[in-house]
Amino acid sequence: MVHLLAFITAHPGKRAELLAAFHGVIPLVHAEEGCIEYAPVVDIEGFEGFTTPLGPDTYAVVEKWASPEALRKHAAAPHMAEYGGRTKHLIASRVLHVLTAG
């Protein structure tokens, strides 16, 4: 199994707009062969001092894929290219970590 953790920072005040667009692509990604999990996550209140917050403009994406090939196909999918082009102006930074069991 392959895990991908993405940390996406929107331009100030644009996270809600970016997340709305992200939610629109989720069903297409869930339909991809090899997709096990694909979900955005944001900070939860009540854990101050216990965790390092992402902040108001950042969210993370938790992805699980059946294989490296499935992740590569996802990255090359036409709907992901379309989504990327449509949201590029909203994104300040993006950090990706591709991981496997240790």
C-alpha atoms as a PDB file:
ATOM      1  CA  MET A   1       0.000   0.000   0.000  1.00  0.00           C
ATOM      2  CA  VAL A   2       1.123   3.543  -0.747  1.00  0.00           C
ATOM      3  CA  HIS A   3       0.241   6.502   1.445  1.00  0.00           C
ATOM      4  CA  LEU A   4       0.333  10.082   0.264  1.00  0.00           C
ATOM      5  CA  LEU A   5       0.076  13.008   2.647  1.00  0.00           C
ATOM      6  CA  ALA A   6      -0.383  16.344   0.933  1.00  0.00           C
ATOM      7  CA  PHE A   7      -0.257  19.680   2.719  1.00  0.00           C
ATOM      8  CA  ILE A   8      -1.987  22.361   0.673  1.00  0.00           C
ATOM      9  CA  THR A   9      -1.835  26.026   1.623  1.00  0.00           C
ATOM     10  CA  ALA A  10      -4.263  28.352  -0.088  1.00  0.00           C
ATOM     11  CA  HIS A  11      -3.655  32.022  -0.616  1.00  0.00           C
ATOM     12  CA  PRO A  12      -4.968  33.920   2.435  1.00  0.00           C
ATOM     13  CA  GLY A  13      -8.720  33.603   2.766  1.00  0.00           C
ATOM     14  CA  LYS A  14      -9.071  31.153  -0.155  1.00  0.00           C
ATOM     15  CA  ARG A  15      -9.101  27.793   1.668  1.00  0.00           C
ATOM     16  CA  ALA A  16     -12.906  27.431   1.620  1.00  0.00           C
ATOM     17  CA  GLU A  17     -13.013  28.065  -2.141  1.00  0.00           C
ATOM     18  CA  LEU A  18     -10.187  25.595  -2.735  1.00  0.00           C
ATOM     19  CA  LEU A  19     -11.820  22.941  -0.531  1.00  0.00           C
ATOM     20  CA  ALA A  20     -15.128  23.370  -2.376  1.00  0.00           C
ATOM     21  CA  ALA A  21     -13.362  22.629  -5.661  1.00  0.00           C
ATOM     22  CA  PHE A  22     -11.538  19.700  -4.043  1.00  0.00           C
ATOM     23  CA  HIS A  23     -14.809  18.165  -2.847  1.00  0.00           C
ATOM     24  CA  GLY A  24     -16.029  18.254  -6.450  1.00  0.00           C
ATOM     25  CA  VAL A  25     -13.214  15.959  -7.632  1.00  0.00           C
ATOM     26  CA  ILE A  26     -13.470  13.446  -4.760  1.00  0.00           C
ATOM     27  CA  PRO A  27     -16.097  11.179  -6.426  1.00  0.00           C
ATOM     28  CA  LEU A  28     -13.950  10.931  -9.562  1.00  0.00           C
ATOM     29  CA  VAL A  29     -10.904   9.959  -7.514  1.00  0.00           C
ATOM     30  CA  HIS A  30     -12.851   7.428  -5.432  1.00  0.00           C
ATOM     31  CA  ALA A  31     -13.880   5.760  -8.711  1.00  0.00           C
ATOM     32  CA  GLU A  32     -10.256   5.297  -9.773  1.00  0.00           C
ATOM     33  CA  GLU A  33      -8.872   1.779  -9.667  1.00  0.00           C
ATOM     34  CA  GLY A  34      -6.652   1.331  -6.623  1.00  0.00           C
ATOM     35  CA  CYS A  35      -8.029   4.250  -4.600  1.00  0.00           C
ATOM     36  CA  ILE A  36      -8.505   3.158  -0.989  1.00  0.00           C
ATOM     37  CA  GLU A  37      -8.815   6.552   0.700  1.00  0.00           C
ATOM     38  CA  TYR A  38      -8.821  10.151  -0.504  1.00  0.00           C
ATOM     39  CA  ALA A  39      -9.997  12.807   1.930  1.00  0.00           C
ATOM     40  CA  PRO A  40      -9.195  16.359   2.988  1.00  0.00           C
ATOM     41  CA  VAL A  41      -8.676  17.086   6.681  1.00  0.00           C
ATOM     42  CA  VAL A  42      -8.402  20.328   8.661  1.00  0.00           C
ATOM     43  CA  ASP A  43      -7.398  21.234  12.196  1.00  0.00           C
ATOM     44  CA  ILE A  44      -9.646  20.051  15.008  1.00  0.00           C
ATOM     45  CA  GLU A  45     -10.293  22.342  17.946  1.00  0.00           C
ATOM     46  CA  GLY A  46      -9.476  21.306  21.489  1.00  0.00           C
ATOM     47  CA  PHE A  47      -5.968  19.974  20.897  1.00  0.00           C
ATOM     48  CA  GLU A  48      -4.042  23.203  21.369  1.00  0.00           C
ATOM     49  CA  GLY A  49      -0.647  22.483  22.912  1.00  0.00           C
ATOM     50  CA  PHE A  50      -0.868  18.846  21.819  1.00  0.00           C
ATOM     51  CA  THR A  51      -0.479  19.331  18.076  1.00  0.00           C
ATOM     52  CA  THR A  52       1.014  21.750  15.598  1.00  0.00           C
ATOM     53  CA  PRO A  53      -1.905  23.389  13.805  1.00  0.00           C
ATOM     54  CA  LEU A  54      -1.974  23.588  10.038  1.00  0.00           C
ATOM     55  CA  GLY A  55      -3.563  27.019  10.279  1.00  0.00           C
ATOM     56  CA  PRO A  56      -6.559  28.730   8.684  1.00  0.00           C
ATOM     57  CA  ASP A  57      -5.284  28.593   5.103  1.00  0.00           C
ATOM     58  CA  THR A  58      -3.950  25.023   5.052  1.00  0.00           C
ATOM     59  CA  TYR A  59      -5.509  21.581   4.817  1.00  0.00           C
ATOM     60  CA  ALA A  60      -4.041  18.117   4.424  1.00  0.00           C
ATOM     61  CA  VAL A  61      -5.114  15.348   2.084  1.00  0.00           C
ATOM     62  CA  VAL A  62      -4.866  11.762   3.319  1.00  0.00           C
ATOM     63  CA  GLU A  63      -4.562   9.313   0.445  1.00  0.00           C
ATOM     64  CA  LYS A  64      -4.131   5.543   0.349  1.00  0.00           C
ATOM     65  CA  TRP A  65      -3.483   3.671  -2.883  1.00  0.00           C
ATOM     66  CA  ALA A  66      -3.274  -0.039  -3.591  1.00  0.00           C
ATOM     67  CA  SER A  67       0.032   0.318  -5.455  1.00  0.00           C
ATOM     68  CA  PRO A  68       2.570   2.827  -6.751  1.00  0.00           C
ATOM     69  CA  GLU A  69       1.122   2.294 -10.231  1.00  0.00           C
ATOM     70  CA  ALA A  70      -2.367   3.290  -9.034  1.00  0.00           C
ATOM     71  CA  LEU A  71      -0.948   6.508  -7.570  1.00  0.00           C
ATOM     72  CA  ARG A  72       0.930   7.267 -10.798  1.00  0.00           C
ATOM     73  CA  LYS A  73      -2.268   6.740 -12.842  1.00  0.00           C
ATOM     74  CA  HIS A  74      -4.146   9.031 -10.457  1.00  0.00           C
ATOM     75  CA  ALA A  75      -1.535  11.759 -10.868  1.00  0.00           C
ATOM     76  CA  ALA A  76      -1.867  11.507 -14.664  1.00  0.00           C
ATOM     77  CA  ALA A  77      -5.683  11.334 -14.740  1.00  0.00           C
ATOM     78  CA  PRO A  78      -7.378  13.928 -16.972  1.00  0.00           C
ATOM     79  CA  HIS A  79      -9.705  15.050 -14.155  1.00  0.00           C
ATOM     80  CA  MET A  80      -6.680  15.808 -11.975  1.00  0.00           C
ATOM     81  CA  ALA A  81      -5.082  17.912 -14.722  1.00  0.00           C
ATOM     82  CA  GLU A  82      -8.363  19.791 -15.122  1.00  0.00           C
ATOM     83  CA  TYR A  83      -8.681  20.295 -11.363  1.00  0.00           C
ATOM     84  CA  GLY A  84      -5.083  21.502 -11.131  1.00  0.00           C
ATOM     85  CA  GLY A  85      -5.570  24.039 -13.894  1.00  0.00           C
ATOM     86  CA  ARG A  86      -8.820  25.282 -12.387  1.00  0.00           C
ATOM     87  CA  THR A  87      -7.394  25.751  -8.872  1.00  0.00           C
ATOM     88  CA  LYS A  88      -3.774  26.744  -9.530  1.00  0.00           C
ATOM     89  CA  HIS A  89      -4.457  30.417  -8.801  1.00  0.00           C
ATOM     90  CA  LEU A  90      -5.803  29.544  -5.318  1.00  0.00           C
ATOM     91  CA  ILE A  91      -2.736  27.599  -4.129  1.00  0.00           C
ATOM     92  CA  ALA A  92       0.169  29.310  -2.359  1.00  0.00           C
ATOM     93  CA  SER A  93       2.124  26.088  -1.707  1.00  0.00           C
ATOM     94  CA  ARG A  94       1.830  22.327  -1.899  1.00  0.00           C
ATOM     95  CA  VAL A  95       4.004  19.737  -0.144  1.00  0.00           C
ATOM     96  CA  LEU A  96       3.613  16.028  -0.958  1.00  0.00           C
ATOM     97  CA  HIS A  97       4.966  13.043   0.972  1.00  0.00           C
ATOM     98  CA  VAL A  98       4.688   9.589  -0.654  1.00  0.00           C
ATOM     99  CA  LEU A  99       5.166   6.893   1.990  1.00  0.00           C
ATOM    100  CA  THR A 100       4.940   3.173   2.617  1.00  0.00           C
ATOM    101  CA  ALA A 101       4.863   1.024   5.750  1.00  0.00           C
ATOM    102  CA  GLY A 102       8.066   1.167   7.766  1.00  0.00           C
END
